[in-house]
Protein backbone atom coordinates (compact mmCIF):
# COMPACT_ATOMS: atom_id res chain seq x y z
CA MET A 1 88.38 -35.79 48.57
CA SER A 2 87.77 -35.63 52.23
CA ASP A 3 87.96 -38.21 55.08
CA LEU A 4 85.79 -40.59 54.64
CA THR A 5 84.81 -42.12 57.76
CA LEU A 6 82.78 -45.77 58.18
CA VAL A 7 80.94 -46.73 61.63
CA ILE A 8 80.45 -50.34 61.76
CA GLY A 9 79.62 -53.21 64.19
CA ASN A 10 81.67 -55.95 64.46
CA LYS A 11 82.51 -57.81 61.99
CA ALA A 12 81.64 -61.24 62.81
CA TYR A 13 78.18 -60.70 63.22
CA SER A 14 76.85 -57.34 61.83
CA SER A 15 75.51 -57.85 58.52
CA TRP A 16 74.34 -54.87 57.13
CA SER A 17 77.78 -53.25 57.93
CA LEU A 18 79.49 -55.50 55.83
CA ARG A 19 77.57 -54.26 52.94
CA PRO A 20 78.73 -50.63 52.83
CA TRP A 21 82.05 -51.52 53.43
CA LEU A 22 82.24 -54.01 50.69
CA ALA A 23 81.34 -51.36 48.19
CA LEU A 24 83.81 -49.41 49.71
CA ARG A 25 86.98 -51.03 49.01
CA GLN A 26 85.67 -52.19 46.06
CA ALA A 27 85.08 -48.52 44.72
CA GLY A 28 88.84 -47.90 45.45
CA LEU A 29 87.94 -45.02 48.40
CA ALA A 30 90.10 -44.73 51.39
CA PHE A 31 88.23 -44.59 54.22
CA ALA A 32 89.04 -45.13 57.85
CA GLU A 33 86.68 -47.52 60.13
CA THR A 34 85.50 -47.63 63.73
CA VAL A 35 84.48 -50.62 65.01
CA ILE A 36 81.79 -50.35 68.14
CA PRO A 37 81.34 -53.65 69.73
CA LEU A 38 77.54 -54.75 69.85
CA ARG A 39 76.08 -56.21 73.20
CA GLN A 40 78.12 -53.91 75.54
CA PRO A 41 77.11 -51.85 78.17
CA ASP A 42 78.39 -48.71 76.48
CA THR A 43 77.10 -49.29 72.86
CA ALA A 44 73.92 -47.80 72.40
CA ALA A 45 75.83 -44.35 73.96
CA ARG A 46 78.70 -45.28 71.32
CA ILE A 47 76.85 -45.46 68.53
CA ALA A 48 74.59 -42.55 69.29
CA GLU A 49 76.89 -40.01 69.58
CA GLN A 50 77.88 -41.23 65.62
CA SER A 51 74.93 -42.62 64.28
CA PRO A 52 70.72 -40.42 64.28
CA SER A 53 69.43 -43.49 64.02
CA GLY A 54 70.84 -45.09 66.86
CA ARG A 55 72.55 -48.17 64.53
CA VAL A 56 75.34 -49.03 62.50
CA PRO A 57 76.65 -48.79 59.82
CA THR A 58 76.88 -44.67 59.86
CA LEU A 59 78.99 -42.71 57.08
CA LEU A 60 80.99 -40.29 57.72
CA HIS A 61 82.38 -37.26 54.90
CA ASP A 62 82.79 -33.55 55.48
CA GLY A 63 79.79 -33.05 57.78
CA LEU A 64 77.44 -35.03 56.35
CA VAL A 65 76.15 -38.25 58.13
CA LEU A 66 74.45 -41.05 56.62
CA TRP A 67 73.27 -43.78 58.35
CA ASP A 68 71.33 -46.53 56.24
CA SER A 69 73.62 -49.33 54.39
CA LEU A 70 72.14 -49.12 51.13
CA ALA A 71 72.13 -45.24 51.11
CA ILE A 72 75.64 -45.21 52.07
CA CYS A 73 76.48 -47.71 48.65
CA GLU A 74 74.85 -45.46 46.32
CA TYR A 75 76.56 -42.54 47.86
CA VAL A 76 79.76 -44.36 47.38
CA ALA A 77 78.52 -45.12 43.74
CA GLU A 78 78.03 -41.43 42.83
CA LEU A 79 81.87 -40.69 44.42
CA ALA A 80 83.41 -43.26 42.51
CA PRO A 81 81.09 -43.46 39.57
CA ALA A 82 84.48 -45.07 37.49
CA ALA A 83 83.82 -47.81 39.70
CA GLY A 84 80.76 -49.22 38.18
CA LEU A 85 79.44 -49.91 41.40
CA TRP A 86 75.75 -49.91 39.07
CA PRO A 87 75.45 -51.73 35.86
CA SER A 88 76.09 -49.06 33.01
CA ASP A 89 73.01 -50.30 31.08
CA ARG A 90 69.58 -49.33 31.56
CA VAL A 91 67.77 -52.65 31.92
CA ALA A 92 70.72 -54.02 34.23
CA ARG A 93 70.95 -51.13 36.35
CA ALA A 94 66.93 -51.04 37.14
CA VAL A 95 67.26 -54.92 37.96
CA ALA A 96 69.80 -54.47 40.30
CA ARG A 97 68.47 -51.40 41.85
CA SER A 98 65.19 -54.01 42.02
CA VAL A 99 67.38 -56.86 43.84
CA SER A 100 69.31 -54.55 45.63
CA ALA A 101 65.93 -53.48 47.32
CA GLU A 102 64.23 -56.31 47.95
CA MET A 103 67.31 -57.78 50.14
CA HIS A 104 67.44 -54.47 51.71
CA SER A 105 63.54 -55.49 53.23
CA GLY A 106 62.62 -58.85 53.15
CA PHE A 107 64.22 -62.43 53.81
CA VAL A 108 63.56 -62.04 57.60
CA PRO A 109 62.74 -65.63 58.41
CA LEU A 110 66.35 -66.25 56.79
CA ARG A 111 68.34 -63.29 58.84
CA THR A 112 66.08 -64.51 62.22
CA SER A 113 66.86 -68.18 61.83
CA MET A 114 70.50 -67.66 60.47
CA PRO A 115 72.19 -64.90 61.68
CA MET A 116 75.52 -63.42 60.31
CA ASN A 117 77.89 -65.66 62.32
CA LEU A 118 82.02 -65.67 60.81
CA LYS A 119 82.85 -66.99 64.29
CA GLN A 120 81.41 -70.37 64.47
CA ASP A 121 80.05 -73.55 62.02
CA ARG A 122 76.42 -74.17 62.03
CA LYS A 123 76.01 -76.31 59.61
CA GLY A 124 72.50 -78.01 59.62
CA GLN A 125 71.12 -75.74 61.98
CA GLY A 126 68.32 -72.88 61.40
CA MET A 127 66.72 -74.40 58.98
CA THR A 128 62.80 -73.98 58.74
CA ALA A 129 60.12 -74.21 56.03
CA ALA A 130 59.99 -70.39 55.83
CA THR A 131 63.61 -69.67 55.52
CA ALA A 132 64.18 -72.49 53.22
CA ALA A 133 61.59 -70.27 50.92
CA ASP A 134 63.18 -67.46 51.11
CA ILE A 135 66.76 -68.98 49.85
CA ALA A 136 64.88 -70.55 47.07
CA ARG A 137 63.71 -66.87 46.31
CA ILE A 138 67.45 -65.82 46.69
CA GLU A 139 69.22 -68.72 44.20
CA ALA A 140 66.14 -68.02 41.77
CA LEU A 141 67.19 -63.89 42.08
CA TRP A 142 70.70 -65.05 41.53
CA ALA A 143 70.11 -67.48 38.85
CA ASP A 144 68.10 -64.77 36.86
CA ALA A 145 70.45 -62.03 37.02
CA ARG A 146 73.43 -64.32 36.13
CA ALA A 147 71.63 -65.84 32.99
CA ARG A 148 70.54 -62.71 31.93
CA PHE A 149 73.12 -60.23 32.54
CA GLY A 150 76.10 -61.75 34.51
CA SER A 151 77.18 -64.93 32.29
CA PRO A 152 76.79 -62.56 29.09
CA ALA A 153 78.29 -59.81 30.01
CA GLY A 154 81.46 -62.47 31.13
CA GLY A 155 82.01 -61.82 34.95
CA PRO A 156 81.12 -64.42 37.83
CA PHE A 157 79.31 -61.57 39.83
CA LEU A 158 75.31 -60.99 39.38
CA PHE A 159 75.72 -58.47 36.49
CA GLY A 160 79.29 -59.38 35.46
CA ALA A 161 81.22 -57.56 36.92
CA PHE A 162 80.82 -56.63 40.85
CA THR A 163 78.08 -53.91 41.95
CA ILE A 164 75.69 -52.95 44.80
CA ALA A 165 73.47 -56.10 44.36
CA ASP A 166 76.40 -58.52 45.43
CA ALA A 167 77.60 -56.33 48.23
CA MET A 168 73.97 -56.17 49.26
CA PHE A 169 74.15 -60.20 49.11
CA ALA A 170 77.60 -60.68 50.34
CA PRO A 171 75.93 -61.36 53.93
CA VAL A 172 73.69 -64.10 52.58
CA VAL A 173 76.34 -65.72 50.84
CA THR A 174 78.25 -65.89 54.37
CA ARG A 175 75.39 -67.36 56.09
CA LEU A 176 74.78 -70.05 53.71
CA GLU A 177 78.37 -70.99 53.87
CA THR A 178 77.93 -70.58 57.99
CA TYR A 179 74.98 -72.94 57.73
CA GLY A 180 76.22 -75.56 55.31
CA VAL A 181 73.34 -74.77 53.04
CA ALA A 182 73.30 -77.34 49.94
CA VAL A 183 72.54 -74.55 46.85
CA SER A 184 73.24 -75.07 43.17
CA PRO A 185 75.58 -75.48 41.04
CA GLY A 186 75.70 -71.49 39.94
CA SER A 187 74.78 -70.61 43.55
CA ARG A 188 77.89 -72.49 44.69
CA ALA A 189 79.95 -70.84 41.95
CA TYR A 190 78.71 -67.25 42.12
CA MET A 191 79.49 -67.66 46.25
CA ASP A 192 82.71 -68.54 45.48
CA ALA A 193 83.07 -65.39 43.71
CA VAL A 194 82.15 -63.43 46.63
CA LEU A 195 84.56 -65.03 49.14
CA ALA A 196 87.73 -65.18 46.90
CA LEU A 197 87.41 -61.33 46.95
CA PRO A 198 90.36 -59.91 48.46
CA ALA A 199 88.12 -57.78 50.28
CA MET A 200 85.75 -60.23 51.35
CA ARG A 201 88.98 -62.07 52.88
CA ASP A 202 90.06 -59.30 54.62
CA TRP A 203 86.91 -59.36 56.44
CA VAL A 204 86.25 -62.26 57.19
CA ALA A 205 89.99 -62.81 58.69
CA ALA A 206 89.54 -59.55 60.88
CA ALA A 207 86.34 -60.74 62.16
CA LYS A 208 87.40 -64.52 63.24
CA ALA A 209 90.58 -62.08 64.84
CA GLU A 210 87.83 -59.95 66.49
CA PRO A 211 88.18 -60.57 70.91
CA TRP A 212 84.40 -60.47 71.32
CA GLU A 213 81.90 -63.56 70.82
CA PHE A 214 78.40 -63.84 71.24
CA GLU A 215 75.68 -65.31 70.11
CA PRO A 216 74.25 -63.00 67.05
């Protein structure tokens, strides 16, 4: 396979970058990463050299340029079908795509009031009525997926084994952790499973070691 390069923002703050990065790692695909620090004088120019949308993440592969997190994850699933990044069952796969798309397009209050931040402890901050409603919806999605698909399949993730749905919600897991949000025991167990992934541990460690720090 030709070389894959994923262009990402700061690991401490770029939630969209984490999603395809985690999918690539879980798929077992070798890839190079290019980190473009955000909020720097040359950030926009450097990203524009790689991404037609002017945003990260961007995947470069054999002349192909992909600039959307979910589209990149879908592409990774096609490159590594044996990794099972979508459930094999038709119904489970349809639900996994639905929850992934809802995460991709929604939850603006949560994104706004609790931005991803892996450098600070922000317990007790960011909670609003709209954010609480988002979190309640997310917990309901998690509980439904776990009850219908995850627990029967015997794995700790939303659909049993790790899928793109888990990659899409991984930044949410870090947000709930950073802001010290109280969740149900089922949600806590799911969060612990995501945070225990070796790839997630690597991402968090790299984020904490980054020299750049600012308010995301």
